[in-house]
């Protein structure tokens, strides 16, 4: 089965979490281009081609992995803006966060998140969780931008 080759946007302020995620993706032979934004404002600029991305050809990601606890504009606000934008709302967004707060989970689903994953603290569990995420979103699911009609 061939998975999606669309770019991935990872909105994550933790260098350690980003490095772990990237390492596991590569180990799983996922060759999708990974773009990283370290805060919500940068992510919105990336998606809207504004600020430092105004002259770039930043591609439309096939999927967005979003941390909630970001400096500046937090992940909840980023999610809300993505899902209210007619150009962006079809992009699947998966929250990947340490927050197990029921209010955060409810708010994210109310805004239209496609999945909510709590980052395990244990490294082996984290690796297994990321592998499940990869298997589902990169191997099993057909993303909207991959279907051309």
Protein backbone atom coordinates (compact mmCIF):
# COMPACT_ATOMS: atom_id res chain seq x y z
CA UNK A 1 0.00 0.00 0.00
CA UNK A 2 1.35 3.42 -0.84
CA UNK A 3 0.72 6.09 1.74
CA UNK A 4 0.42 9.80 1.37
CA UNK A 5 3.48 11.70 0.19
CA UNK A 6 2.02 15.06 1.07
CA UNK A 7 3.99 17.39 3.33
CA UNK A 8 3.44 17.36 7.06
CA UNK A 9 3.31 20.51 9.16
CA UNK A 10 4.39 19.92 12.74
CA UNK A 11 3.59 22.84 15.04
CA UNK A 12 5.75 22.05 18.05
CA UNK A 13 7.85 24.29 20.27
CA UNK A 14 9.80 21.46 21.94
CA UNK A 15 13.05 20.62 20.13
CA UNK A 16 13.15 17.24 21.92
CA UNK A 17 9.64 16.26 20.86
CA UNK A 18 10.29 17.40 17.29
CA UNK A 19 13.54 15.42 17.10
CA UNK A 20 11.88 12.30 18.49
CA UNK A 21 8.99 12.57 16.05
CA UNK A 22 11.29 13.14 13.10
CA UNK A 23 13.53 10.21 14.11
CA UNK A 24 10.55 7.85 14.36
CA UNK A 25 9.18 9.02 11.01
CA UNK A 26 12.50 8.34 9.30
CA UNK A 27 12.85 4.96 11.03
CA UNK A 28 9.40 4.09 9.63
CA UNK A 29 10.67 5.04 6.14
CA UNK A 30 8.22 7.93 5.87
CA UNK A 31 9.76 10.29 3.35
CA UNK A 32 7.17 13.07 3.49
CA UNK A 33 8.66 16.53 3.77
CA UNK A 34 8.28 17.81 7.32
CA UNK A 35 7.84 21.51 7.96
CA UNK A 36 8.08 22.79 11.50
CA UNK A 37 6.70 25.92 13.09
CA UNK A 38 7.60 26.62 16.71
CA UNK A 39 4.61 28.79 17.65
CA UNK A 40 1.08 29.53 16.60
CA UNK A 41 1.87 32.85 14.93
CA UNK A 42 4.54 31.25 12.73
CA UNK A 43 2.14 28.43 11.83
CA UNK A 44 -0.58 30.85 10.75
CA UNK A 45 1.97 32.82 8.70
CA UNK A 46 3.09 29.55 7.06
CA UNK A 47 -0.48 28.56 6.20
CA UNK A 48 -1.48 32.02 4.96
CA UNK A 49 1.86 32.83 3.24
CA UNK A 50 2.40 35.90 5.39
CA UNK A 51 5.31 37.32 7.39
CA UNK A 52 8.51 35.38 6.79
CA UNK A 53 6.59 33.08 4.42
CA UNK A 54 5.11 35.85 2.25
CA UNK A 55 7.53 35.24 -0.62
CA UNK A 56 7.81 31.49 -0.16
CA UNK A 57 6.13 28.66 -1.93
CA UNK A 58 5.24 27.01 1.38
CA UNK A 59 3.13 24.05 0.29
CA UNK A 60 -0.31 23.23 1.61
CA UNK A 61 0.31 20.45 4.14
CA UNK A 62 -1.56 17.17 3.80
CA UNK A 63 -1.84 16.95 7.58
CA UNK A 64 -1.07 19.18 10.55
CA UNK A 65 0.17 17.91 13.90
CA UNK A 66 -0.49 20.57 16.49
CA UNK A 67 0.76 21.03 20.03
CA UNK A 68 -1.69 22.99 22.18
CA UNK A 69 0.71 24.67 24.56
CA UNK A 70 2.60 27.05 22.31
CA UNK A 71 4.16 30.44 22.98
CA UNK A 72 2.17 33.37 21.62
CA UNK A 73 -0.96 32.24 19.80
CA UNK A 74 -1.68 28.86 21.37
CA UNK A 75 -2.77 25.70 19.62
CA UNK A 76 -6.44 26.12 20.48
CA UNK A 77 -6.55 29.44 18.65
CA UNK A 78 -4.56 28.04 15.71
CA UNK A 79 -7.01 25.13 15.42
CA UNK A 80 -10.00 27.46 15.57
CA UNK A 81 -8.56 29.69 12.83
CA UNK A 82 -7.68 26.73 10.58
CA UNK A 83 -11.13 25.17 10.88
CA UNK A 84 -12.91 28.50 10.23
CA UNK A 85 -10.91 29.15 7.05
CA UNK A 86 -12.53 27.84 3.86
CA UNK A 87 -9.12 27.28 2.25
CA UNK A 88 -7.63 25.39 5.21
CA UNK A 89 -10.48 23.59 6.97
CA UNK A 90 -10.17 20.42 4.87
CA UNK A 91 -6.62 19.81 6.12
CA UNK A 92 -6.75 17.15 8.85
CA UNK A 93 -5.44 18.45 12.17
CA UNK A 94 -4.31 16.08 14.88
CA UNK A 95 -3.58 17.57 18.29
CA UNK A 96 -0.46 16.00 19.81
CA UNK A 97 -0.09 17.42 23.29
CA UNK A 98 0.65 16.72 26.94
CA UNK A 99 -2.72 18.17 27.98
CA UNK A 100 -5.20 15.60 29.25
CA UNK A 101 -7.55 18.36 30.41
CA UNK A 102 -11.12 17.34 29.46
CA UNK A 103 -11.91 20.98 28.62
CA UNK A 104 -9.06 21.07 26.08
CA UNK A 105 -10.26 17.82 24.51
CA UNK A 106 -13.84 19.09 24.29
CA UNK A 107 -12.82 22.48 22.87
CA UNK A 108 -10.62 20.88 20.21
CA UNK A 109 -13.39 18.55 19.02
CA UNK A 110 -15.85 21.44 19.09
CA UNK A 111 -13.48 23.35 16.78
CA UNK A 112 -13.31 20.35 14.43
CA UNK A 113 -10.05 18.57 15.28
CA UNK A 114 -9.60 15.26 13.47
CA UNK A 115 -7.84 13.53 16.36
CA UNK A 116 -6.52 14.22 19.85
CA UNK A 117 -3.47 12.34 21.11
CA UNK A 118 -1.92 12.78 24.53
CA UNK A 119 1.87 12.51 24.38
CA UNK A 120 3.05 9.71 26.62
CA UNK A 121 5.96 10.59 28.88
CA UNK A 122 7.48 7.12 28.59
CA UNK A 123 9.77 6.99 25.54
CA UNK A 124 8.67 3.50 24.44
CA UNK A 125 5.00 4.47 24.70
CA UNK A 126 5.74 7.68 22.81
CA UNK A 127 7.41 5.71 20.02
CA UNK A 128 4.46 3.29 19.85
CA UNK A 129 1.97 6.18 19.81
CA UNK A 130 3.81 7.94 16.99
CA UNK A 131 3.99 4.65 15.06
CA UNK A 132 0.21 4.21 15.37
CA UNK A 133 -0.26 7.79 14.19
CA UNK A 134 2.02 7.13 11.20
CA UNK A 135 0.28 3.85 10.33
CA UNK A 136 -3.11 5.51 10.39
CA UNK A 137 -2.49 8.94 8.82
CA UNK A 138 0.29 8.04 6.39
CA UNK A 139 -0.64 4.51 5.37
CA UNK A 140 -4.35 3.86 5.89
CA UNK A 141 -6.10 7.20 5.36
CA UNK A 142 -6.74 8.88 2.03
CA UNK A 143 -6.18 12.62 2.49
CA UNK A 144 -8.37 15.13 0.63
CA UNK A 145 -5.53 16.71 -1.37
CA UNK A 146 -4.37 13.30 -2.66
CA UNK A 147 -7.57 12.79 -4.64
CA UNK A 148 -7.64 14.79 -7.84
CA UNK A 149 -10.92 14.85 -9.67
